[in-house]
Amino acid sequence: SNMSVLLVSKKMALRTLYQTLLDSDLARLHVIAQQWGITLVAERKSDVAARFSGDVGAGLKVAAGVAYAVNGNVDSQVNGSVSVLHDSGFNVTGAVGQQDLDVGTRDPFFWYAKLGYIWSGGIGDTAFAIDYTQADDVAVLDDEFTAYGAFVVQHIDNLGAELYLGVRNHELDRTAQEFDDIVAVLGGARIKF
């Protein structure tokens, strides 16, 4: 298992951070934070994330993460995801996130789901997946974006290569405007050296 927690500032140099902590009553908190693998900062631009990856038994492998951020005109942002792979090859992924903006009434939100299957055999694993995502209020209040697709990846073990092909439909609904759907087809190869 692997678990980590991280809180980072984009403006404060690490040296300044340590000096601040050592010169204050936060020195004890700093020692505790080090024991837990946490970095503490006192800036408005910061984030915290926790991640887990490991075998949880019953033939299940899990990878998950959750994050919280404050940055610029974003009062807060929270998002997370979890992926589960069963020994049978079936796998699922889910993700969700939301921003609380400090201007206007728009608070963007999204969610994502994927169902997949990995078949082992032949020249290498073959992975199949379908997915769906929805995002609301990302660019304009009351926007609704949806996308769904299907994908296949063929591993070629002897070459250290992968061939992939996917298709995804993108739809945007916006009040008082019409947009055509966009269908994208993506195919290619990747070779690992």
N, C-alpha and C. Protein backbone atom coordinates (compact mmCIF):
# COMPACT_ATOMS: atom_id res chain seq x y z
N SER A 1 0.83 -1.19 0.00
CA SER A 1 0.00 0.00 0.00
C SER A 1 0.87 1.24 0.00
N ASN A 2 0.37 2.29 -0.62
CA ASN A 2 1.09 3.54 -0.67
C ASN A 2 0.10 4.65 -0.37
N MET A 3 0.35 5.44 0.68
CA MET A 3 -0.55 6.54 1.01
C MET A 3 0.31 7.77 1.28
N SER A 4 -0.09 8.91 0.72
CA SER A 4 0.65 10.14 0.96
C SER A 4 -0.32 11.29 1.08
N VAL A 5 0.07 12.29 1.87
CA VAL A 5 -0.72 13.50 2.03
C VAL A 5 0.23 14.67 1.79
N LEU A 6 -0.20 15.67 1.05
CA LEU A 6 0.68 16.76 0.66
C LEU A 6 -0.08 18.07 0.64
N LEU A 7 0.49 19.11 1.25
CA LEU A 7 -0.07 20.46 1.21
C LEU A 7 1.05 21.37 0.72
N VAL A 8 0.83 22.09 -0.38
CA VAL A 8 1.91 22.80 -1.05
C VAL A 8 1.55 24.26 -1.26
N SER A 9 2.53 25.15 -1.15
CA SER A 9 2.36 26.55 -1.49
C SER A 9 3.15 26.85 -2.74
N LYS A 10 2.59 27.65 -3.61
CA LYS A 10 3.28 28.00 -4.83
C LYS A 10 4.19 29.22 -4.64
N LYS A 11 3.99 29.99 -3.56
CA LYS A 11 4.74 31.22 -3.39
C LYS A 11 5.83 31.14 -2.32
N MET A 12 5.67 30.26 -1.37
CA MET A 12 6.57 30.26 -0.23
C MET A 12 7.71 29.28 -0.45
N ALA A 13 8.93 29.74 -0.39
CA ALA A 13 10.09 28.87 -0.56
C ALA A 13 10.21 27.95 0.64
N LEU A 14 10.72 26.75 0.41
CA LEU A 14 10.84 25.77 1.48
C LEU A 14 11.73 26.28 2.61
N ARG A 15 12.78 26.97 2.27
CA ARG A 15 13.70 27.50 3.29
C ARG A 15 12.97 28.48 4.21
N THR A 16 12.20 29.38 3.62
CA THR A 16 11.42 30.35 4.40
C THR A 16 10.39 29.63 5.26
N LEU A 17 9.79 28.59 4.72
CA LEU A 17 8.81 27.82 5.47
C LEU A 17 9.43 27.21 6.72
N TYR A 18 10.58 26.55 6.57
CA TYR A 18 11.23 25.95 7.72
C TYR A 18 11.62 26.98 8.77
N GLN A 19 12.15 28.12 8.32
CA GLN A 19 12.52 29.17 9.26
C GLN A 19 11.31 29.68 10.02
N THR A 20 10.19 29.88 9.32
CA THR A 20 8.95 30.33 9.96
C THR A 20 8.49 29.32 11.00
N LEU A 21 8.52 28.05 10.64
CA LEU A 21 8.07 27.02 11.57
C LEU A 21 8.99 26.90 12.78
N LEU A 22 10.28 26.98 12.57
CA LEU A 22 11.22 26.84 13.67
C LEU A 22 11.17 28.03 14.62
N ASP A 23 10.81 29.19 14.11
CA ASP A 23 10.77 30.40 14.93
C ASP A 23 9.42 30.63 15.59
N SER A 24 8.52 29.68 15.51
CA SER A 24 7.18 29.92 16.04
C SER A 24 6.72 28.76 16.92
N ASP A 25 5.52 28.92 17.44
CA ASP A 25 4.92 27.86 18.24
C ASP A 25 4.48 26.68 17.39
N LEU A 26 4.62 26.80 16.06
CA LEU A 26 4.23 25.71 15.18
C LEU A 26 5.31 24.64 15.05
N ALA A 27 6.42 24.80 15.74
CA ALA A 27 7.52 23.84 15.62
C ALA A 27 7.05 22.43 15.99
N ARG A 28 6.27 22.29 17.05
CA ARG A 28 5.77 20.96 17.43
C ARG A 28 4.85 20.40 16.35
N LEU A 29 3.99 21.23 15.80
CA LEU A 29 3.11 20.79 14.72
C LEU A 29 3.92 20.34 13.52
N HIS A 30 5.01 21.03 13.24
CA HIS A 30 5.89 20.68 12.13
C HIS A 30 6.47 19.29 12.32
N VAL A 31 6.90 18.97 13.51
CA VAL A 31 7.47 17.65 13.79
C VAL A 31 6.41 16.56 13.58
N ILE A 32 5.20 16.80 14.06
CA ILE A 32 4.11 15.84 13.86
C ILE A 32 3.81 15.69 12.37
N ALA A 33 3.77 16.82 11.66
CA ALA A 33 3.49 16.78 10.22
C ALA A 33 4.54 15.96 9.48
N GLN A 34 5.81 16.10 9.86
CA GLN A 34 6.87 15.33 9.22
C GLN A 34 6.65 13.84 9.42
N GLN A 35 6.21 13.46 10.60
CA GLN A 35 5.98 12.05 10.89
C GLN A 35 4.88 11.48 10.00
N TRP A 36 3.91 12.30 9.61
CA TRP A 36 2.80 11.86 8.77
C TRP A 36 3.03 12.17 7.30
N GLY A 37 4.16 12.75 6.93
CA GLY A 37 4.45 13.07 5.54
C GLY A 37 3.65 14.24 5.03
N ILE A 38 3.35 15.23 5.88
CA ILE A 38 2.56 16.38 5.50
C ILE A 38 3.46 17.61 5.47
N THR A 39 3.29 18.46 4.48
CA THR A 39 3.97 19.73 4.43
C THR A 39 2.93 20.82 4.68
N LEU A 40 3.19 21.71 5.63
CA LEU A 40 2.23 22.74 5.99
C LEU A 40 2.67 24.09 5.46
N VAL A 41 1.71 24.90 5.01
CA VAL A 41 2.00 26.25 4.55
C VAL A 41 0.90 27.19 5.02
N ALA A 42 1.19 28.48 4.96
CA ALA A 42 0.21 29.47 5.42
C ALA A 42 -0.12 30.47 4.32
N GLU A 43 -0.18 30.02 3.09
CA GLU A 43 -0.48 30.88 1.94
C GLU A 43 -1.88 30.61 1.43
N ARG A 44 -2.46 31.60 0.72
CA ARG A 44 -3.78 31.41 0.11
C ARG A 44 -3.73 30.41 -1.04
N LYS A 45 -2.64 30.38 -1.76
CA LYS A 45 -2.50 29.44 -2.87
C LYS A 45 -1.89 28.15 -2.35
N SER A 46 -2.74 27.17 -2.12
CA SER A 46 -2.25 25.91 -1.58
C SER A 46 -3.21 24.78 -1.94
N ASP A 47 -2.73 23.57 -1.76
CA ASP A 47 -3.60 22.42 -1.97
C ASP A 47 -3.16 21.28 -1.07
N VAL A 48 -4.06 20.35 -0.89
CA VAL A 48 -3.77 19.16 -0.11
C VAL A 48 -4.33 17.97 -0.87
N ALA A 49 -3.61 16.88 -0.86
CA ALA A 49 -4.06 15.70 -1.58
C ALA A 49 -3.72 14.46 -0.77
N ALA A 50 -4.56 13.46 -0.85
CA ALA A 50 -4.30 12.16 -0.25
C ALA A 50 -4.49 11.11 -1.33
N ARG A 51 -3.57 10.16 -1.35
CA ARG A 51 -3.62 9.10 -2.37
C ARG A 51 -3.45 7.74 -1.72
N PHE A 52 -4.09 6.74 -2.32
CA PHE A 52 -3.94 5.36 -1.87
C PHE A 52 -3.85 4.47 -3.09
N SER A 53 -2.98 3.49 -3.02
CA SER A 53 -2.86 2.51 -4.09
C SER A 53 -2.44 1.20 -3.47
N GLY A 54 -3.20 0.15 -3.75
CA GLY A 54 -2.79 -1.13 -3.21
C GLY A 54 -3.79 -2.23 -3.44
N ASP A 55 -3.36 -3.44 -3.08
CA ASP A 55 -4.20 -4.64 -3.15
C ASP A 55 -5.00 -4.70 -1.86
N VAL A 56 -6.34 -4.74 -1.96
CA VAL A 56 -7.19 -4.73 -0.77
C VAL A 56 -7.80 -6.10 -0.49
N GLY A 57 -7.35 -7.12 -1.19
CA GLY A 57 -7.88 -8.46 -0.98
C GLY A 57 -9.05 -8.75 -1.90
N ALA A 58 -9.53 -10.00 -1.86
CA ALA A 58 -10.66 -10.46 -2.67
C ALA A 58 -10.41 -10.23 -4.16
N GLY A 59 -9.14 -10.23 -4.58
CA GLY A 59 -8.82 -10.04 -5.98
C GLY A 59 -8.97 -8.62 -6.48
N LEU A 60 -9.00 -7.64 -5.55
CA LEU A 60 -9.22 -6.25 -5.92
C LEU A 60 -7.98 -5.39 -5.70
N LYS A 61 -7.64 -4.60 -6.70
CA LYS A 61 -6.61 -3.57 -6.58
C LYS A 61 -7.32 -2.23 -6.67
N VAL A 62 -6.96 -1.32 -5.79
CA VAL A 62 -7.62 -0.02 -5.72
C VAL A 62 -6.58 1.09 -5.81
N ALA A 63 -6.90 2.13 -6.57
CA ALA A 63 -6.13 3.37 -6.60
C ALA A 63 -7.13 4.50 -6.41
N ALA A 64 -6.87 5.38 -5.45
CA ALA A 64 -7.82 6.45 -5.16
C ALA A 64 -7.07 7.70 -4.75
N GLY A 65 -7.73 8.83 -4.94
CA GLY A 65 -7.15 10.10 -4.52
C GLY A 65 -8.24 11.12 -4.28
N VAL A 66 -7.94 12.05 -3.39
CA VAL A 66 -8.84 13.16 -3.12
C VAL A 66 -7.98 14.39 -2.91
N ALA A 67 -8.47 15.55 -3.35
CA ALA A 67 -7.67 16.77 -3.25
C ALA A 67 -8.56 17.96 -2.91
N TYR A 68 -7.96 18.93 -2.24
CA TYR A 68 -8.62 20.18 -1.91
C TYR A 68 -7.64 21.30 -2.25
N ALA A 69 -8.13 22.37 -2.87
CA ALA A 69 -7.23 23.45 -3.28
C ALA A 69 -7.90 24.81 -3.08
N VAL A 70 -7.07 25.82 -2.85
CA VAL A 70 -7.45 27.22 -2.82
C VAL A 70 -6.44 27.92 -3.72
N ASN A 71 -6.95 28.68 -4.71
CA ASN A 71 -6.02 29.28 -5.64
C ASN A 71 -6.70 30.45 -6.36
N GLY A 72 -6.15 31.63 -6.23
CA GLY A 72 -6.64 32.79 -6.96
C GLY A 72 -8.11 33.06 -6.74
N ASN A 73 -8.90 33.04 -7.83
CA ASN A 73 -10.33 33.33 -7.71
C ASN A 73 -11.16 32.10 -7.34
N VAL A 74 -10.50 31.01 -6.96
CA VAL A 74 -11.18 29.80 -6.52
C VAL A 74 -11.14 29.77 -5.00
N ASP A 75 -12.33 29.99 -4.37
CA ASP A 75 -12.39 29.91 -2.91
C ASP A 75 -12.04 28.52 -2.43
N SER A 76 -12.52 27.52 -3.14
CA SER A 76 -12.16 26.14 -2.81
C SER A 76 -12.44 25.26 -4.02
N GLN A 77 -11.68 24.20 -4.09
CA GLN A 77 -11.87 23.19 -5.13
C GLN A 77 -11.66 21.85 -4.47
N VAL A 78 -12.57 20.93 -4.69
CA VAL A 78 -12.43 19.59 -4.16
C VAL A 78 -12.70 18.61 -5.29
N ASN A 79 -11.88 17.58 -5.37
CA ASN A 79 -12.07 16.56 -6.39
C ASN A 79 -11.46 15.25 -5.91
N GLY A 80 -11.95 14.18 -6.49
CA GLY A 80 -11.44 12.87 -6.12
C GLY A 80 -11.75 11.84 -7.17
N SER A 81 -11.05 10.73 -7.10
CA SER A 81 -11.31 9.64 -8.03
C SER A 81 -10.94 8.32 -7.37
N VAL A 82 -11.53 7.26 -7.88
CA VAL A 82 -11.21 5.92 -7.42
C VAL A 82 -11.30 4.97 -8.61
N SER A 83 -10.33 4.07 -8.69
CA SER A 83 -10.32 3.03 -9.72
C SER A 83 -10.18 1.68 -9.03
N VAL A 84 -10.94 0.71 -9.51
CA VAL A 84 -10.90 -0.64 -8.94
C VAL A 84 -10.71 -1.63 -10.08
N LEU A 85 -9.73 -2.52 -9.93
CA LEU A 85 -9.45 -3.57 -10.91
C LEU A 85 -9.61 -4.91 -10.22
N HIS A 86 -10.45 -5.78 -10.79
CA HIS A 86 -10.64 -7.12 -10.27
C HIS A 86 -9.73 -8.08 -11.04
N ASP A 87 -9.30 -9.17 -10.39
CA ASP A 87 -8.45 -10.16 -11.05
C ASP A 87 -9.06 -10.71 -12.33
N SER A 88 -10.37 -10.68 -12.45
CA SER A 88 -11.06 -11.17 -13.65
C SER A 88 -10.82 -10.27 -14.86
N GLY A 89 -10.34 -9.05 -14.63
CA GLY A 89 -10.12 -8.09 -15.71
C GLY A 89 -11.13 -6.96 -15.73
N PHE A 90 -12.27 -7.14 -15.06
CA PHE A 90 -13.25 -6.06 -14.99
C PHE A 90 -12.71 -4.92 -14.14
N ASN A 91 -12.98 -3.68 -14.56
CA ASN A 91 -12.49 -2.52 -13.83
C ASN A 91 -13.47 -1.36 -13.97
N VAL A 92 -13.49 -0.53 -12.95
CA VAL A 92 -14.34 0.67 -12.94
C VAL A 92 -13.53 1.84 -12.43
N THR A 93 -13.88 3.01 -12.90
CA THR A 93 -13.29 4.25 -12.42
C THR A 93 -14.39 5.28 -12.25
N GLY A 94 -14.31 6.06 -11.21
CA GLY A 94 -15.24 7.16 -11.00
C GLY A 94 -14.49 8.38 -10.50
N ALA A 95 -14.94 9.55 -10.88
CA ALA A 95 -14.31 10.79 -10.44
C ALA A 95 -15.38 11.86 -10.31
N VAL A 96 -15.14 12.82 -9.42
CA VAL A 96 -16.07 13.92 -9.20
C VAL A 96 -15.26 15.12 -8.73
N GLY A 97 -15.74 16.32 -9.05
CA GLY A 97 -15.05 17.52 -8.60
C GLY A 97 -15.94 18.74 -8.67
N GLN A 98 -15.63 19.73 -7.83
CA GLN A 98 -16.40 20.97 -7.82
C GLN A 98 -15.49 22.12 -7.40
N GLN A 99 -15.74 23.29 -8.00
CA GLN A 99 -15.07 24.53 -7.62
C GLN A 99 -16.09 25.49 -7.03
N ASP A 100 -15.68 26.21 -5.99
CA ASP A 100 -16.48 27.30 -5.43
C ASP A 100 -15.74 28.58 -5.78
N LEU A 101 -16.23 29.29 -6.81
CA LEU A 101 -15.56 30.49 -7.28
C LEU A 101 -15.96 31.68 -6.41
N ASP A 102 -15.02 32.60 -6.19
CA ASP A 102 -15.32 33.76 -5.35
C ASP A 102 -15.93 34.92 -6.14
N VAL A 103 -16.15 34.72 -7.44
CA VAL A 103 -16.82 35.73 -8.26
C VAL A 103 -17.99 35.09 -8.97
N GLY A 104 -19.08 35.83 -9.12
CA GLY A 104 -20.24 35.32 -9.85
C GLY A 104 -20.99 34.23 -9.10
N THR A 105 -21.91 33.62 -9.81
CA THR A 105 -22.74 32.57 -9.21
C THR A 105 -22.41 31.20 -9.78
N ARG A 106 -21.42 31.13 -10.63
CA ARG A 106 -21.06 29.87 -11.28
C ARG A 106 -20.13 29.05 -10.39
N ASP A 107 -20.51 27.80 -10.11
CA ASP A 107 -19.67 26.88 -9.35
C ASP A 107 -19.54 25.59 -10.16
N PRO A 108 -18.50 25.51 -11.01
CA PRO A 108 -18.35 24.36 -11.90
C PRO A 108 -18.33 23.02 -11.14
N PHE A 109 -18.93 22.01 -11.79
CA PHE A 109 -19.03 20.68 -11.21
C PHE A 109 -18.87 19.65 -12.32
N PHE A 110 -18.18 18.52 -12.04
CA PHE A 110 -18.10 17.46 -13.03
C PHE A 110 -18.16 16.10 -12.35
N TRP A 111 -18.55 15.10 -13.13
CA TRP A 111 -18.41 13.72 -12.69
C TRP A 111 -18.06 12.86 -13.90
N TYR A 112 -17.43 11.72 -13.65
CA TYR A 112 -16.92 10.85 -14.70
C TYR A 112 -17.06 9.40 -14.25
N ALA A 113 -17.42 8.50 -15.16
CA ALA A 113 -17.50 7.08 -14.86
C ALA A 113 -16.97 6.28 -16.06
N LYS A 114 -16.24 5.22 -15.75
CA LYS A 114 -15.70 4.35 -16.81
C LYS A 114 -15.87 2.90 -16.39
N LEU A 115 -16.26 2.06 -17.33
CA LEU A 115 -16.35 0.62 -17.13
C LEU A 115 -15.43 -0.02 -18.15
N GLY A 116 -14.60 -0.94 -17.69
CA GLY A 116 -13.65 -1.56 -18.60
C GLY A 116 -13.46 -3.04 -18.35
N TYR A 117 -12.78 -3.68 -19.29
CA TYR A 117 -12.43 -5.08 -19.18
C TYR A 117 -11.08 -5.28 -19.84
N ILE A 118 -10.19 -6.03 -19.18
CA ILE A 118 -8.87 -6.35 -19.73
C ILE A 118 -8.84 -7.86 -19.97
N TRP A 119 -8.66 -8.23 -21.24
CA TRP A 119 -8.53 -9.64 -21.61
C TRP A 119 -7.06 -9.96 -21.75
N SER A 120 -6.60 -10.97 -21.05
CA SER A 120 -5.19 -11.37 -21.11
C SER A 120 -5.05 -12.58 -22.01
N GLY A 121 -4.17 -12.49 -22.97
CA GLY A 121 -3.93 -13.61 -23.88
C GLY A 121 -3.40 -13.12 -25.20
N GLY A 122 -3.12 -14.05 -26.06
CA GLY A 122 -2.64 -13.70 -27.40
C GLY A 122 -1.30 -12.99 -27.35
N ILE A 123 -1.19 -11.91 -28.09
CA ILE A 123 0.08 -11.17 -28.19
C ILE A 123 0.29 -10.19 -27.04
N GLY A 124 -0.73 -10.05 -26.20
CA GLY A 124 -0.67 -9.15 -25.05
C GLY A 124 -2.08 -8.79 -24.60
N ASP A 125 -2.17 -8.09 -23.49
CA ASP A 125 -3.48 -7.70 -22.96
C ASP A 125 -4.24 -6.83 -23.96
N THR A 126 -5.55 -7.03 -23.98
CA THR A 126 -6.44 -6.18 -24.77
C THR A 126 -7.41 -5.53 -23.80
N ALA A 127 -7.43 -4.21 -23.77
CA ALA A 127 -8.27 -3.46 -22.84
C ALA A 127 -9.41 -2.79 -23.61
N PHE A 128 -10.63 -2.98 -23.11
CA PHE A 128 -11.83 -2.35 -23.67
C PHE A 128 -12.42 -1.45 -22.60
N ALA A 129 -12.97 -0.30 -23.00
CA ALA A 129 -13.59 0.60 -22.02
C ALA A 129 -14.65 1.46 -22.68
N ILE A 130 -15.67 1.79 -21.88
CA ILE A 130 -16.65 2.81 -22.24
C ILE A 130 -16.67 3.81 -21.10
N ASP A 131 -16.93 5.07 -21.42
CA ASP A 131 -16.98 6.07 -20.35
C ASP A 131 -18.01 7.15 -20.64
N TYR A 132 -18.32 7.90 -19.59
CA TYR A 132 -19.29 8.98 -19.67
C TYR A 132 -18.86 10.07 -18.70
N THR A 133 -18.98 11.31 -19.12
CA THR A 133 -18.68 12.42 -18.22
C THR A 133 -19.70 13.54 -18.41
N GLN A 134 -19.95 14.27 -17.34
CA GLN A 134 -20.81 15.44 -17.40
C GLN A 134 -20.14 16.55 -16.61
N ALA A 135 -20.17 17.76 -17.17
CA ALA A 135 -19.60 18.93 -16.51
C ALA A 135 -20.60 20.08 -16.64
N ASP A 136 -20.91 20.72 -15.53
CA ASP A 136 -21.89 21.81 -15.52
C ASP A 136 -21.23 23.12 -15.11
N ASP A 137 -21.66 24.20 -15.75
CA ASP A 137 -21.26 25.56 -15.38
C ASP A 137 -19.76 25.81 -15.48
N VAL A 138 -19.07 25.12 -16.37
CA VAL A 138 -17.62 25.28 -16.46
C VAL A 138 -17.24 26.62 -17.07
N ALA A 139 -17.80 26.98 -18.22
CA ALA A 139 -17.47 28.25 -18.86
C ALA A 139 -18.54 29.30 -18.62
N VAL A 140 -19.81 28.89 -18.62
CA VAL A 140 -20.95 29.80 -18.50
C VAL A 140 -21.97 29.16 -17.57
N LEU A 141 -22.65 29.99 -16.78
CA LEU A 141 -23.70 29.50 -15.90
C LEU A 141 -24.76 28.75 -16.71
N ASP A 142 -25.17 27.62 -16.22
CA ASP A 142 -26.17 26.74 -16.83
C ASP A 142 -25.67 25.96 -18.04
N ASP A 143 -24.39 26.01 -18.35
CA ASP A 143 -23.82 25.13 -19.37
C ASP A 143 -23.92 23.69 -18.89
N GLU A 144 -24.18 22.80 -19.85
CA GLU A 144 -24.12 21.37 -19.54
C GLU A 144 -23.34 20.67 -20.65
N PHE A 145 -22.19 20.15 -20.28
CA PHE A 145 -21.33 19.44 -21.22
C PHE A 145 -21.39 17.95 -20.91
N THR A 146 -21.56 17.13 -21.94
CA THR A 146 -21.50 15.68 -21.76
C THR A 146 -20.60 15.10 -22.84
N ALA A 147 -19.95 14.00 -22.49
CA ALA A 147 -19.13 13.28 -23.45
C ALA A 147 -19.19 11.80 -23.11
N TYR A 148 -19.18 10.98 -24.14
CA TYR A 148 -19.15 9.54 -23.91
C TYR A 148 -18.35 8.90 -25.03
N GLY A 149 -17.73 7.77 -24.72
CA GLY A 149 -16.89 7.15 -25.72
C GLY A 149 -16.64 5.69 -25.48
N ALA A 150 -15.96 5.08 -26.44
CA ALA A 150 -15.56 3.68 -26.38
C ALA A 150 -14.12 3.58 -26.89
N PHE A 151 -13.35 2.70 -26.26
CA PHE A 151 -11.92 2.64 -26.54
C PHE A 151 -11.42 1.21 -26.48
N VAL A 152 -10.36 0.93 -27.23
CA VAL A 152 -9.68 -0.36 -27.17
C VAL A 152 -8.18 -0.10 -27.27
N VAL A 153 -7.42 -0.83 -26.45
CA VAL A 153 -5.96 -0.76 -26.49
C VAL A 153 -5.43 -2.19 -26.58
N GLN A 154 -4.59 -2.46 -27.58
CA GLN A 154 -3.98 -3.76 -27.75
C GLN A 154 -2.49 -3.67 -27.42
N HIS A 155 -2.07 -4.37 -26.39
CA HIS A 155 -0.65 -4.43 -26.03
C HIS A 155 0.02 -5.49 -26.89
N ILE A 156 1.22 -5.17 -27.36
CA ILE A 156 2.03 -6.13 -28.10
C ILE A 156 3.30 -6.33 -27.27
N ASP A 157 3.27 -7.37 -26.44
CA ASP A 157 4.32 -7.57 -25.44
C ASP A 157 5.71 -7.70 -26.05
N ASN A 158 5.87 -8.46 -27.13
CA ASN A 158 7.19 -8.69 -27.72
C ASN A 158 7.84 -7.41 -28.25
N LEU A 159 7.04 -6.42 -28.60
CA LEU A 159 7.57 -5.16 -29.13
C LEU A 159 7.58 -4.04 -28.10
N GLY A 160 6.96 -4.27 -26.94
CA GLY A 160 6.83 -3.19 -25.95
C GLY A 160 5.98 -2.06 -26.51
N ALA A 161 4.94 -2.44 -27.25
CA ALA A 161 4.14 -1.44 -27.95
C ALA A 161 2.66 -1.59 -27.59
N GLU A 162 1.91 -0.54 -27.91
CA GLU A 162 0.46 -0.53 -27.74
C GLU A 162 -0.16 0.10 -28.98
N LEU A 163 -1.24 -0.48 -29.45
CA LEU A 163 -2.05 0.10 -30.50
C LEU A 163 -3.36 0.54 -29.85
N TYR A 164 -3.86 1.71 -30.20
CA TYR A 164 -5.09 2.18 -29.55
C TYR A 164 -6.03 2.82 -30.58
N LEU A 165 -7.32 2.69 -30.25
CA LEU A 165 -8.37 3.27 -31.09
C LEU A 165 -9.52 3.66 -30.18
N GLY A 166 -10.04 4.85 -30.38
CA GLY A 166 -11.16 5.31 -29.56
C GLY A 166 -12.05 6.28 -30.31
N VAL A 167 -13.28 6.37 -29.86
CA VAL A 167 -14.22 7.34 -30.42
C VAL A 167 -14.96 7.99 -29.25
N ARG A 168 -15.14 9.29 -29.34
CA ARG A 168 -15.82 10.02 -28.26
C ARG A 168 -16.73 11.08 -28.86
N ASN A 169 -17.96 11.16 -28.33
CA ASN A 169 -18.92 12.19 -28.72
C ASN A 169 -18.94 13.28 -27.65
N HIS A 170 -18.89 14.54 -28.08
CA HIS A 170 -18.90 15.70 -27.17
C HIS A 170 -20.15 16.53 -27.45
N GLU A 171 -20.90 16.89 -26.40
CA GLU A 171 -22.11 17.70 -26.55
C GLU A 171 -22.07 18.85 -25.56
N LEU A 172 -22.46 20.04 -26.01
CA LEU A 172 -22.56 21.20 -25.13
C LEU A 172 -23.93 21.82 -25.30
N ASP A 173 -24.67 21.92 -24.21
CA ASP A 173 -25.96 22.61 -24.19
C ASP A 173 -25.78 23.93 -23.46
N ARG A 174 -26.12 25.04 -24.15
CA ARG A 174 -25.99 26.37 -23.57
C ARG A 174 -27.26 27.15 -23.90
N THR A 175 -27.78 27.83 -22.91
CA THR A 175 -28.99 28.62 -23.09
C THR A 175 -28.81 29.63 -24.22
N ALA A 176 -29.77 29.67 -25.15
CA ALA A 176 -29.83 30.64 -26.25
C ALA A 176 -28.72 30.47 -27.28
N GLN A 177 -28.01 29.34 -27.27
CA GLN A 177 -26.99 29.09 -28.29
C GLN A 177 -27.08 27.64 -28.72
N GLU A 178 -26.78 27.38 -29.99
CA GLU A 178 -26.79 26.03 -30.52
C GLU A 178 -25.36 25.62 -30.87
N PHE A 179 -24.98 24.44 -30.47
CA PHE A 179 -23.67 23.89 -30.83
C PHE A 179 -23.87 22.51 -31.43
N ASP A 180 -23.13 22.23 -32.49
CA ASP A 180 -23.14 20.90 -33.06
C ASP A 180 -22.31 19.97 -32.17
N ASP A 181 -22.73 18.71 -32.11
CA ASP A 181 -21.92 17.72 -31.40
C ASP A 181 -20.61 17.52 -32.15
N ILE A 182 -19.60 17.16 -31.44
CA ILE A 182 -18.29 16.87 -32.03
C ILE A 182 -17.98 15.40 -31.75
N VAL A 183 -17.72 14.66 -32.81
CA VAL A 183 -17.30 13.27 -32.67
C VAL A 183 -15.82 13.21 -33.04
N ALA A 184 -15.02 12.70 -32.11
CA ALA A 184 -13.58 12.60 -32.34
C ALA A 184 -13.17 11.13 -32.37
N VAL A 185 -12.34 10.79 -33.34
CA VAL A 185 -11.78 9.44 -33.44
C VAL A 185 -10.28 9.57 -33.26
N LEU A 186 -9.74 8.75 -32.38
CA LEU A 186 -8.32 8.81 -32.06
C LEU A 186 -7.73 7.42 -32.22
N GLY A 187 -6.66 7.33 -32.95
CA GLY A 187 -5.98 6.05 -33.12
C GLY A 187 -4.49 6.27 -33.21
N GLY A 188 -3.74 5.25 -32.85
CA GLY A 188 -2.30 5.40 -32.92
C GLY A 188 -1.57 4.25 -32.28
N ALA A 189 -0.28 4.48 -32.07
CA ALA A 189 0.59 3.47 -31.46
C ALA A 189 1.55 4.15 -30.52
N ARG A 190 1.96 3.40 -29.52
CA ARG A 190 2.97 3.87 -28.58
C ARG A 190 3.99 2.76 -28.42
N ILE A 191 5.26 3.12 -28.52
CA ILE A 191 6.35 2.15 -28.36
C ILE A 191 7.19 2.60 -27.17
N LYS A 192 7.41 1.70 -26.25
CA LYS A 192 8.24 1.98 -25.06
C LYS A 192 9.67 1.52 -25.33
N PHE A 193 10.62 2.39 -25.05
CA PHE A 193 12.04 2.04 -25.24
C PHE A 193 12.66 1.66 -23.92
